[in-house]
Amino acid sequence: MIFLALGAALLALLIWAGRRPGRDSGRIRVARALLAALTAAGAVVCGLRGLWMASPVFLALSVYLVQSAALRSRLGSGSAKPRSSSGGSMSPQEARAILGVGADASRPEIEAAYRRLMQRAHPDHGGSSGLAAQLNVARARLIE
């Protein structure tokens, strides 16, 4: 029972640290990756022991931790300045890389990627204004 309480405290600490924009140090990233691996292993162990209610919870937590780390690595630490508000200096390849869409992406696919990323990167939801501005510039560049 003590391990469960310690795990919950560690998880709360990592989520709190992950919501602070621009403060994602190397130690936090390593701890987040380790916790994701441990929660995935916990999902497997729970599944093997027949704890079918706990296994999906651990698996979902592991996926969340991996996705949040991937989003942060794709968008940067939040200290990058937006290139321009008009999107003139951003190439289409850079815009596609920021939004994570392919060269043959249609307008609805670009909009869906933009909405998905903006939900996480918006300043009102723990993101930074620099990341949100980059997403806006990338979307404007690809839709024009």
N, C-alpha and C. Protein backbone atom coordinates (compact mmCIF):
# COMPACT_ATOMS: atom_id res chain seq x y z
N MET A 1 0.82 -1.19 0.00
CA MET A 1 0.00 0.00 0.00
C MET A 1 0.87 1.26 0.00
N ILE A 2 2.02 1.17 0.66
CA ILE A 2 2.92 2.32 0.71
C ILE A 2 3.48 2.63 -0.67
N PHE A 3 3.71 1.56 -1.47
CA PHE A 3 4.22 1.78 -2.82
C PHE A 3 3.20 2.49 -3.69
N LEU A 4 1.94 2.18 -3.49
CA LEU A 4 0.89 2.85 -4.24
C LEU A 4 0.83 4.33 -3.89
N ALA A 5 0.97 4.65 -2.61
CA ALA A 5 0.96 6.05 -2.19
C ALA A 5 2.18 6.79 -2.71
N LEU A 6 3.35 6.16 -2.68
CA LEU A 6 4.56 6.78 -3.21
C LEU A 6 4.46 6.98 -4.72
N GLY A 7 3.90 6.00 -5.41
CA GLY A 7 3.71 6.12 -6.86
C GLY A 7 2.75 7.25 -7.21
N ALA A 8 1.68 7.38 -6.44
CA ALA A 8 0.73 8.46 -6.68
C ALA A 8 1.37 9.83 -6.42
N ALA A 9 2.19 9.92 -5.37
CA ALA A 9 2.87 11.18 -5.09
C ALA A 9 3.86 11.53 -6.18
N LEU A 10 4.61 10.54 -6.67
CA LEU A 10 5.55 10.77 -7.76
C LEU A 10 4.83 11.17 -9.03
N LEU A 11 3.72 10.53 -9.32
CA LEU A 11 2.93 10.87 -10.49
C LEU A 11 2.40 12.30 -10.39
N ALA A 12 1.89 12.69 -9.23
CA ALA A 12 1.39 14.05 -9.05
C ALA A 12 2.51 15.07 -9.23
N LEU A 13 3.70 14.76 -8.72
CA LEU A 13 4.84 15.65 -8.88
C LEU A 13 5.22 15.81 -10.35
N LEU A 14 5.24 14.71 -11.10
CA LEU A 14 5.60 14.77 -12.51
C LEU A 14 4.55 15.52 -13.34
N ILE A 15 3.29 15.31 -13.03
CA ILE A 15 2.24 16.04 -13.75
C ILE A 15 2.33 17.53 -13.43
N TRP A 16 2.57 17.87 -12.18
CA TRP A 16 2.72 19.28 -11.80
C TRP A 16 3.92 19.90 -12.50
N ALA A 17 5.04 19.19 -12.53
CA ALA A 17 6.23 19.72 -13.19
C ALA A 17 6.03 19.79 -14.70
N GLY A 18 5.27 18.88 -15.26
CA GLY A 18 5.03 18.87 -16.70
C GLY A 18 4.13 20.00 -17.16
N ARG A 19 3.33 20.54 -16.28
CA ARG A 19 2.42 21.63 -16.66
C ARG A 19 3.08 23.00 -16.58
N ARG A 20 4.28 23.07 -16.08
CA ARG A 20 4.98 24.34 -15.97
C ARG A 20 5.76 24.56 -17.26
N PRO A 21 5.33 25.50 -18.10
CA PRO A 21 5.98 25.69 -19.40
C PRO A 21 7.40 26.21 -19.26
N GLY A 22 8.29 25.67 -20.11
CA GLY A 22 9.66 26.14 -20.18
C GLY A 22 10.56 25.62 -19.08
N ARG A 23 10.10 24.69 -18.28
CA ARG A 23 10.92 24.20 -17.17
C ARG A 23 11.11 22.69 -17.27
N ASP A 24 11.16 22.17 -18.44
CA ASP A 24 11.28 20.73 -18.65
C ASP A 24 12.76 20.36 -18.71
N SER A 25 13.35 20.09 -17.56
CA SER A 25 14.76 19.77 -17.51
C SER A 25 14.99 18.32 -17.93
N GLY A 26 16.26 17.97 -18.09
CA GLY A 26 16.61 16.62 -18.49
C GLY A 26 16.20 15.59 -17.46
N ARG A 27 16.29 15.94 -16.19
CA ARG A 27 15.90 15.00 -15.14
C ARG A 27 14.42 14.70 -15.18
N ILE A 28 13.62 15.73 -15.44
CA ILE A 28 12.17 15.52 -15.52
C ILE A 28 11.84 14.61 -16.69
N ARG A 29 12.52 14.83 -17.83
CA ARG A 29 12.26 13.98 -19.00
C ARG A 29 12.63 12.53 -18.73
N VAL A 30 13.75 12.31 -18.08
CA VAL A 30 14.17 10.94 -17.76
C VAL A 30 13.20 10.32 -16.77
N ALA A 31 12.78 11.08 -15.77
CA ALA A 31 11.83 10.56 -14.79
C ALA A 31 10.49 10.24 -15.45
N ARG A 32 10.05 11.10 -16.38
CA ARG A 32 8.79 10.85 -17.07
C ARG A 32 8.87 9.58 -17.92
N ALA A 33 10.00 9.40 -18.61
CA ALA A 33 10.18 8.19 -19.43
C ALA A 33 10.24 6.95 -18.55
N LEU A 34 10.93 7.03 -17.43
CA LEU A 34 11.01 5.90 -16.52
C LEU A 34 9.64 5.57 -15.95
N LEU A 35 8.88 6.59 -15.58
CA LEU A 35 7.54 6.36 -15.04
C LEU A 35 6.63 5.77 -16.11
N ALA A 36 6.77 6.20 -17.36
CA ALA A 36 5.97 5.62 -18.44
C ALA A 36 6.30 4.15 -18.62
N ALA A 37 7.58 3.81 -18.56
CA ALA A 37 7.97 2.39 -18.68
C ALA A 37 7.45 1.58 -17.50
N LEU A 38 7.52 2.14 -16.31
CA LEU A 38 7.03 1.42 -15.13
C LEU A 38 5.51 1.23 -15.17
N THR A 39 4.79 2.24 -15.64
CA THR A 39 3.33 2.09 -15.71
C THR A 39 2.94 1.09 -16.80
N ALA A 40 3.70 1.03 -17.91
CA ALA A 40 3.43 0.02 -18.92
C ALA A 40 3.70 -1.37 -18.36
N ALA A 41 4.79 -1.51 -17.61
CA ALA A 41 5.08 -2.80 -16.97
C ALA A 41 4.00 -3.15 -15.95
N GLY A 42 3.52 -2.14 -15.22
CA GLY A 42 2.44 -2.37 -14.27
C GLY A 42 1.16 -2.82 -14.96
N ALA A 43 0.90 -2.29 -16.14
CA ALA A 43 -0.29 -2.73 -16.90
C ALA A 43 -0.16 -4.19 -17.30
N VAL A 44 1.03 -4.58 -17.71
CA VAL A 44 1.25 -5.99 -18.09
C VAL A 44 1.10 -6.90 -16.88
N VAL A 45 1.69 -6.51 -15.76
CA VAL A 45 1.61 -7.33 -14.54
C VAL A 45 0.16 -7.43 -14.08
N CYS A 46 -0.57 -6.32 -14.09
CA CYS A 46 -1.97 -6.36 -13.68
C CYS A 46 -2.79 -7.24 -14.62
N GLY A 47 -2.49 -7.18 -15.91
CA GLY A 47 -3.20 -8.02 -16.86
C GLY A 47 -2.92 -9.50 -16.63
N LEU A 48 -1.67 -9.83 -16.33
CA LEU A 48 -1.31 -11.23 -16.07
C LEU A 48 -1.91 -11.75 -14.78
N ARG A 49 -2.09 -10.88 -13.81
CA ARG A 49 -2.67 -11.30 -12.54
C ARG A 49 -4.19 -11.28 -12.54
N GLY A 50 -4.79 -10.84 -13.63
CA GLY A 50 -6.24 -10.84 -13.73
C GLY A 50 -6.90 -9.58 -13.20
N LEU A 51 -6.14 -8.52 -12.97
CA LEU A 51 -6.71 -7.26 -12.51
C LEU A 51 -7.12 -6.44 -13.72
N TRP A 52 -8.24 -6.80 -14.32
CA TRP A 52 -8.65 -6.22 -15.59
C TRP A 52 -9.09 -4.77 -15.48
N MET A 53 -9.42 -4.31 -14.32
CA MET A 53 -9.82 -2.91 -14.16
C MET A 53 -8.60 -1.99 -14.03
N ALA A 54 -7.54 -2.48 -13.40
CA ALA A 54 -6.35 -1.66 -13.18
C ALA A 54 -5.45 -1.62 -14.41
N SER A 55 -5.44 -2.67 -15.18
CA SER A 55 -4.54 -2.75 -16.34
C SER A 55 -4.78 -1.64 -17.36
N PRO A 56 -6.02 -1.38 -17.78
CA PRO A 56 -6.23 -0.27 -18.74
C PRO A 56 -5.89 1.10 -18.16
N VAL A 57 -6.05 1.27 -16.86
CA VAL A 57 -5.71 2.54 -16.23
C VAL A 57 -4.21 2.78 -16.33
N PHE A 58 -3.42 1.77 -16.00
CA PHE A 58 -1.98 1.90 -16.11
C PHE A 58 -1.54 2.08 -17.56
N LEU A 59 -2.18 1.38 -18.46
CA LEU A 59 -1.83 1.51 -19.87
C LEU A 59 -2.16 2.92 -20.39
N ALA A 60 -3.31 3.45 -20.02
CA ALA A 60 -3.68 4.81 -20.44
C ALA A 60 -2.73 5.85 -19.86
N LEU A 61 -2.32 5.65 -18.62
CA LEU A 61 -1.37 6.57 -18.00
C LEU A 61 -0.02 6.53 -18.71
N SER A 62 0.41 5.36 -19.08
CA SER A 62 1.67 5.22 -19.80
C SER A 62 1.59 5.91 -21.16
N VAL A 63 0.51 5.73 -21.87
CA VAL A 63 0.33 6.38 -23.17
C VAL A 63 0.30 7.89 -23.01
N TYR A 64 -0.38 8.38 -21.97
CA TYR A 64 -0.43 9.82 -21.72
C TYR A 64 0.97 10.39 -21.49
N LEU A 65 1.76 9.71 -20.69
CA LEU A 65 3.11 10.20 -20.41
C LEU A 65 3.98 10.21 -21.65
N VAL A 66 3.85 9.18 -22.48
CA VAL A 66 4.64 9.13 -23.71
C VAL A 66 4.19 10.21 -24.69
N GLN A 67 2.88 10.40 -24.82
CA GLN A 67 2.36 11.42 -25.74
C GLN A 67 2.75 12.82 -25.30
N SER A 68 2.70 13.11 -24.01
CA SER A 68 3.07 14.44 -23.55
C SER A 68 4.56 14.69 -23.77
N ALA A 69 5.38 13.66 -23.59
CA ALA A 69 6.82 13.82 -23.85
C ALA A 69 7.07 14.03 -25.33
N ALA A 70 6.35 13.30 -26.18
CA ALA A 70 6.53 13.45 -27.63
C ALA A 70 6.09 14.84 -28.08
N LEU A 71 5.01 15.34 -27.54
CA LEU A 71 4.55 16.68 -27.91
C LEU A 71 5.55 17.74 -27.49
N ARG A 72 6.09 17.62 -26.30
CA ARG A 72 7.07 18.60 -25.84
C ARG A 72 8.34 18.55 -26.69
N SER A 73 8.76 17.35 -27.06
CA SER A 73 9.98 17.28 -27.87
C SER A 73 9.74 17.80 -29.28
N ARG A 74 8.52 17.63 -29.80
CA ARG A 74 8.22 18.12 -31.14
C ARG A 74 8.10 19.63 -31.16
N LEU A 75 7.48 20.20 -30.15
CA LEU A 75 7.23 21.63 -30.14
C LEU A 75 8.33 22.43 -29.46
N GLY A 76 9.24 21.80 -28.80
CA GLY A 76 10.34 22.51 -28.14
C GLY A 76 10.00 22.82 -26.70
N SER A 77 10.88 23.56 -26.06
CA SER A 77 10.73 23.83 -24.63
C SER A 77 9.87 25.04 -24.33
N GLY A 78 9.47 25.79 -25.34
CA GLY A 78 8.63 26.96 -25.11
C GLY A 78 9.41 28.25 -25.16
N SER A 79 10.72 28.18 -25.31
CA SER A 79 11.51 29.40 -25.33
C SER A 79 11.72 29.92 -26.74
N ALA A 80 11.31 29.15 -27.74
CA ALA A 80 11.51 29.58 -29.12
C ALA A 80 10.55 30.72 -29.45
N LYS A 81 11.01 31.70 -30.15
CA LYS A 81 10.19 32.84 -30.55
C LYS A 81 9.49 32.51 -31.86
N PRO A 82 8.28 32.98 -32.05
CA PRO A 82 7.62 32.77 -33.33
C PRO A 82 8.35 33.55 -34.41
N ARG A 83 8.34 33.00 -35.61
CA ARG A 83 9.09 33.62 -36.69
C ARG A 83 8.47 34.93 -37.13
N SER A 84 7.20 34.90 -37.44
CA SER A 84 6.48 36.13 -37.78
C SER A 84 5.00 35.84 -37.73
N SER A 85 4.20 36.87 -37.63
CA SER A 85 2.77 36.64 -37.53
C SER A 85 2.15 36.32 -38.88
N SER A 86 2.82 36.66 -39.95
CA SER A 86 2.25 36.41 -41.27
C SER A 86 2.67 35.06 -41.84
N GLY A 87 3.70 34.44 -41.28
CA GLY A 87 4.13 33.15 -41.78
C GLY A 87 5.04 33.26 -42.97
N GLY A 88 5.54 34.46 -43.28
CA GLY A 88 6.33 34.66 -44.47
C GLY A 88 7.69 33.99 -44.42
N SER A 89 8.29 33.87 -43.26
CA SER A 89 9.63 33.31 -43.20
C SER A 89 9.64 31.82 -42.86
N MET A 90 8.48 31.22 -42.64
CA MET A 90 8.42 29.79 -42.35
C MET A 90 8.18 29.03 -43.64
N SER A 91 9.00 28.04 -43.89
CA SER A 91 8.82 27.25 -45.10
C SER A 91 7.67 26.26 -44.91
N PRO A 92 7.09 25.79 -45.99
CA PRO A 92 6.03 24.79 -45.87
C PRO A 92 6.51 23.50 -45.19
N GLN A 93 7.77 23.14 -45.41
CA GLN A 93 8.30 21.93 -44.76
C GLN A 93 8.37 22.12 -43.25
N GLU A 94 8.78 23.31 -42.79
CA GLU A 94 8.81 23.58 -41.36
C GLU A 94 7.40 23.57 -40.78
N ALA A 95 6.47 24.14 -41.51
CA ALA A 95 5.08 24.17 -41.03
C ALA A 95 4.51 22.76 -40.91
N ARG A 96 4.81 21.91 -41.88
CA ARG A 96 4.33 20.52 -41.83
C ARG A 96 4.98 19.77 -40.67
N ALA A 97 6.25 20.04 -40.41
CA ALA A 97 6.93 19.39 -39.30
C ALA A 97 6.35 19.82 -37.96
N ILE A 98 6.02 21.09 -37.83
CA ILE A 98 5.44 21.59 -36.58
C ILE A 98 4.08 20.97 -36.33
N LEU A 99 3.25 20.90 -37.37
CA LEU A 99 1.91 20.34 -37.21
C LEU A 99 1.89 18.82 -37.28
N GLY A 100 2.97 18.22 -37.78
CA GLY A 100 3.02 16.76 -37.85
C GLY A 100 2.16 16.18 -38.95
N VAL A 101 2.03 16.88 -40.07
CA VAL A 101 1.24 16.38 -41.19
C VAL A 101 2.16 16.11 -42.37
N GLY A 102 1.70 15.29 -43.28
CA GLY A 102 2.48 14.95 -44.46
C GLY A 102 2.34 15.99 -45.56
N ALA A 103 3.12 15.80 -46.61
CA ALA A 103 3.11 16.74 -47.72
C ALA A 103 1.79 16.72 -48.48
N ASP A 104 1.07 15.62 -48.42
CA ASP A 104 -0.20 15.49 -49.15
C ASP A 104 -1.41 15.70 -48.24
N ALA A 105 -1.22 16.37 -47.11
CA ALA A 105 -2.32 16.57 -46.16
C ALA A 105 -3.33 17.56 -46.72
N SER A 106 -4.60 17.22 -46.53
CA SER A 106 -5.67 18.10 -46.98
C SER A 106 -5.97 19.15 -45.91
N ARG A 107 -6.79 20.13 -46.29
CA ARG A 107 -7.14 21.19 -45.34
C ARG A 107 -7.80 20.65 -44.07
N PRO A 108 -8.76 19.70 -44.15
CA PRO A 108 -9.33 19.16 -42.91
C PRO A 108 -8.29 18.44 -42.03
N GLU A 109 -7.32 17.78 -42.64
CA GLU A 109 -6.28 17.11 -41.86
C GLU A 109 -5.39 18.14 -41.16
N ILE A 110 -5.09 19.23 -41.85
CA ILE A 110 -4.28 20.29 -41.26
C ILE A 110 -5.03 20.93 -40.10
N GLU A 111 -6.32 21.20 -40.30
CA GLU A 111 -7.13 21.80 -39.24
C GLU A 111 -7.23 20.87 -38.03
N ALA A 112 -7.41 19.56 -38.28
CA ALA A 112 -7.51 18.61 -37.17
C ALA A 112 -6.20 18.54 -36.39
N ALA A 113 -5.07 18.52 -37.08
CA ALA A 113 -3.77 18.51 -36.40
C ALA A 113 -3.57 19.79 -35.61
N TYR A 114 -3.96 20.90 -36.19
CA TYR A 114 -3.83 22.19 -35.50
C TYR A 114 -4.67 22.21 -34.22
N ARG A 115 -5.92 21.77 -34.31
CA ARG A 115 -6.79 21.76 -33.13
C ARG A 115 -6.25 20.85 -32.05
N ARG A 116 -5.78 19.67 -32.45
CA ARG A 116 -5.25 18.69 -31.48
C ARG A 116 -4.04 19.26 -30.74
N LEU A 117 -3.13 19.88 -31.48
CA LEU A 117 -1.93 20.42 -30.85
C LEU A 117 -2.23 21.69 -30.05
N MET A 118 -3.15 22.50 -30.54
CA MET A 118 -3.46 23.75 -29.85
C MET A 118 -4.14 23.48 -28.51
N GLN A 119 -4.90 22.39 -28.41
CA GLN A 119 -5.51 22.06 -27.13
C GLN A 119 -4.47 21.84 -26.06
N ARG A 120 -3.30 21.34 -26.44
CA ARG A 120 -2.24 21.10 -25.47
C ARG A 120 -1.30 22.28 -25.31
N ALA A 121 -1.10 23.05 -26.37
CA ALA A 121 -0.09 24.11 -26.35
C ALA A 121 -0.67 25.48 -26.03
N HIS A 122 -1.97 25.61 -25.88
CA HIS A 122 -2.57 26.92 -25.63
C HIS A 122 -2.17 27.43 -24.25
N PRO A 123 -1.87 28.72 -24.13
CA PRO A 123 -1.45 29.27 -22.82
C PRO A 123 -2.49 29.08 -21.71
N ASP A 124 -3.75 29.04 -22.05
CA ASP A 124 -4.79 28.84 -21.04
C ASP A 124 -4.81 27.43 -20.49
N HIS A 125 -4.14 26.50 -21.17
CA HIS A 125 -4.11 25.10 -20.75
C HIS A 125 -2.71 24.65 -20.37
N GLY A 126 -1.87 25.55 -19.92
CA GLY A 126 -0.54 25.18 -19.46
C GLY A 126 0.55 25.27 -20.50
N GLY A 127 0.23 25.63 -21.72
CA GLY A 127 1.23 25.79 -22.76
C GLY A 127 1.83 27.18 -22.74
N SER A 128 2.58 27.50 -23.76
CA SER A 128 3.19 28.83 -23.81
C SER A 128 2.67 29.60 -25.01
N SER A 129 2.76 30.90 -24.93
CA SER A 129 2.28 31.73 -26.04
C SER A 129 3.18 31.56 -27.26
N GLY A 130 4.47 31.28 -27.05
CA GLY A 130 5.38 31.05 -28.18
C GLY A 130 5.00 29.83 -28.98
N LEU A 131 4.64 28.74 -28.29
CA LEU A 131 4.22 27.53 -28.99
C LEU A 131 2.92 27.75 -29.75
N ALA A 132 1.98 28.44 -29.10
CA ALA A 132 0.70 28.71 -29.75
C ALA A 132 0.91 29.59 -30.99
N ALA A 133 1.81 30.56 -30.90
CA ALA A 133 2.08 31.42 -32.05
C ALA A 133 2.71 30.64 -33.19
N GLN A 134 3.61 29.71 -32.87
CA GLN A 134 4.20 28.88 -33.92
C GLN A 134 3.14 28.02 -34.60
N LEU A 135 2.22 27.47 -33.83
CA LEU A 135 1.15 26.67 -34.42
C LEU A 135 0.27 27.53 -35.32
N ASN A 136 -0.03 28.76 -34.89
CA ASN A 136 -0.84 29.66 -35.71
C ASN A 136 -0.14 29.99 -37.02
N VAL A 137 1.16 30.26 -36.95
CA VAL A 137 1.92 30.61 -38.15
C VAL A 137 1.99 29.40 -39.10
N ALA A 138 2.19 28.21 -38.54
CA ALA A 138 2.28 27.01 -39.37
C ALA A 138 0.96 26.74 -40.07
N ARG A 139 -0.14 26.87 -39.34
CA ARG A 139 -1.46 26.64 -39.94
C ARG A 139 -1.72 27.67 -41.04
N ALA A 140 -1.43 28.92 -40.76
CA ALA A 140 -1.64 29.96 -41.77
C ALA A 140 -0.80 29.72 -43.02
N ARG A 141 0.41 29.25 -42.83
CA ARG A 141 1.31 28.99 -43.97
C ARG A 141 0.79 27.85 -44.84
N LEU A 142 0.23 26.81 -44.22
CA LEU A 142 -0.22 25.66 -45.01
C LEU A 142 -1.60 25.88 -45.63
N ILE A 143 -2.42 26.71 -45.04
CA ILE A 143 -3.78 26.90 -45.56
C ILE A 143 -3.82 27.97 -46.64
N GLU A 144 -2.90 28.90 -46.64
CA GLU A 144 -2.94 30.02 -47.59
C GLU A 144 -2.99 29.61 -49.03
